[in-house]
Amino acid sequence: MSKRILLLEDEKEILELIQEILEEEGYNVIAFSHYESVEDIMDFSPQLILLDIRLSNGYGHLLCEDLKSNPKTSHIPVILVSGANNLEKIAADYKADGFLAKPFDMEDLIKMVKNYD
């Protein structure tokens, strides 16, 4: 069974590109362009979350903090993906497991995801 990745990215082109690349690598990707609740995320049972900081209906870094403070989801690795200038600090402050700054090379994305296999 392939690893289930939840992708939350508000830019449609980036969402589709990341989803396509990861599916070609054999991952099962569930993709949304909007904020999902912690409860909904628990229903998806992801093994990794790729999370944009700015979503169409909320802030990904706040969702990351909620996921990491919930005992039922704190074990799920969360990688923040953003073009924010202070992404490393945001990732540390909101307890993300990693970060990937936009724009990024697809090989860097694949390498980052494989680190959590």
Protein backbone atom coordinates (compact mmCIF):
# COMPACT_ATOMS: atom_id res chain seq x y z
CA MET A 1 0.00 0.00 0.00
CA SER A 2 1.38 3.40 -0.95
CA LYS A 3 1.92 6.20 1.51
CA ARG A 4 -1.09 8.53 1.85
CA ILE A 5 -0.15 12.22 1.55
CA LEU A 6 -2.53 15.08 2.25
CA LEU A 7 -1.71 18.15 0.15
CA LEU A 8 -3.25 21.51 1.06
CA GLU A 9 -2.25 24.19 -1.48
CA ASP A 10 -4.35 27.15 -2.65
CA GLU A 11 -2.61 27.72 -5.99
CA LYS A 12 -4.35 25.35 -8.41
CA GLU A 13 -1.39 24.95 -10.79
CA ILE A 14 1.02 24.14 -7.97
CA LEU A 15 -1.48 21.78 -6.35
CA GLU A 16 -1.98 19.85 -9.60
CA LEU A 17 1.75 19.74 -10.35
CA ILE A 18 2.72 18.46 -6.89
CA GLN A 19 -0.09 15.92 -6.95
CA GLU A 20 0.94 14.62 -10.37
CA ILE A 21 4.64 14.37 -9.46
CA LEU A 22 3.97 12.53 -6.20
CA GLU A 23 1.46 10.15 -7.80
CA GLU A 24 4.06 9.34 -10.46
CA GLU A 25 6.39 8.46 -7.56
CA GLY A 26 3.77 5.99 -6.33
CA TYR A 27 2.18 8.01 -3.51
CA ASN A 28 -1.55 8.21 -2.83
CA VAL A 29 -2.26 11.96 -2.78
CA ILE A 30 -5.40 13.62 -1.47
CA ALA A 31 -5.36 17.28 -2.53
CA PHE A 32 -7.41 20.28 -1.42
CA SER A 33 -7.07 23.98 -2.14
CA HIS A 34 -8.64 25.01 1.14
CA TYR A 35 -8.29 24.64 4.89
CA GLU A 36 -9.52 21.36 6.35
CA SER A 37 -10.44 20.79 10.00
CA VAL A 38 -8.32 18.57 12.24
CA GLU A 39 -11.28 16.16 12.44
CA ASP A 40 -11.49 15.91 8.64
CA ILE A 41 -7.76 15.36 8.44
CA MET A 42 -8.05 12.53 10.95
CA ASP A 43 -10.68 10.93 8.67
CA PHE A 44 -8.20 10.97 5.76
CA SER A 45 -5.55 9.18 7.87
CA PRO A 46 -2.60 10.80 6.09
CA GLN A 47 0.93 9.63 6.78
CA LEU A 48 2.38 12.98 5.68
CA ILE A 49 0.91 16.47 5.22
CA LEU A 50 2.23 19.08 2.78
CA LEU A 51 0.72 22.36 3.91
CA ASP A 52 0.77 25.81 2.33
CA ILE A 53 0.76 28.66 4.84
CA ARG A 54 -1.88 30.67 3.00
CA LEU A 55 -5.03 28.80 2.07
CA SER A 56 -8.18 30.23 0.53
CA ASN A 57 -10.13 29.95 3.79
CA GLY A 58 -7.52 29.87 6.56
CA TYR A 59 -3.89 29.79 7.59
CA GLY A 60 -1.87 26.61 7.24
CA HIS A 61 0.61 27.43 9.99
CA LEU A 62 -2.27 27.67 12.49
CA LEU A 63 -3.59 24.34 11.27
CA CYS A 64 -0.10 22.89 11.72
CA GLU A 65 -0.04 24.10 15.31
CA ASP A 66 -3.49 22.54 15.93
CA LEU A 67 -2.35 19.23 14.42
CA LYS A 68 0.84 19.14 16.47
CA SER A 69 -0.97 19.93 19.74
CA ASN A 70 -3.62 17.23 19.21
CA PRO A 71 -2.51 13.80 20.57
CA LYS A 72 -4.41 12.05 17.75
CA THR A 73 -2.52 13.88 14.99
CA SER A 74 0.75 15.04 16.57
CA HIS A 75 2.61 12.03 15.11
CA ILE A 76 1.81 12.99 11.50
CA PRO A 77 4.76 14.78 9.87
CA VAL A 78 3.83 18.21 8.52
CA ILE A 79 5.93 20.03 5.94
CA LEU A 80 5.12 23.70 5.38
CA VAL A 81 5.37 24.78 1.75
CA SER A 82 5.39 28.52 1.13
CA GLY A 83 7.07 31.50 -0.44
CA ALA A 84 7.12 33.36 2.89
CA ASN A 85 10.45 35.05 3.62
CA ASN A 86 10.63 33.76 7.18
CA LEU A 87 9.48 30.21 6.47
CA GLU A 88 12.16 28.54 8.59
CA LYS A 89 11.10 30.56 11.65
CA ILE A 90 7.39 29.97 10.98
CA ALA A 91 8.02 26.22 10.68
CA ALA A 92 9.87 26.21 14.01
CA ASP A 93 7.34 28.43 15.78
CA TYR A 94 4.35 26.32 14.71
CA LYS A 95 6.08 22.96 15.24
CA ALA A 96 6.27 21.80 11.62
CA ASP A 97 8.54 18.85 10.92
CA GLY A 98 10.06 20.53 7.90
CA PHE A 99 9.64 23.23 5.30
CA LEU A 100 10.10 23.70 1.59
CA ALA A 101 10.46 27.24 0.24
CA LYS A 102 8.73 28.21 -3.02
CA PRO A 103 9.90 28.18 -5.70
CA PHE A 104 11.42 24.75 -5.30
CA ASP A 105 12.86 22.06 -7.53
CA MET A 106 10.66 18.97 -7.88
CA GLU A 107 13.65 16.80 -6.97
CA ASP A 108 13.86 18.65 -3.65
CA LEU A 109 10.16 17.95 -3.07
CA ILE A 110 10.60 14.25 -3.80
CA LYS A 111 13.67 14.04 -1.58
CA MET A 112 11.81 15.78 1.27
CA VAL A 113 8.84 13.43 0.97
CA LYS A 114 11.08 10.35 0.84
CA ASN A 115 12.71 11.46 4.10
CA TYR A 116 9.40 10.60 5.77
CA ASP A 117 8.97 7.12 4.21
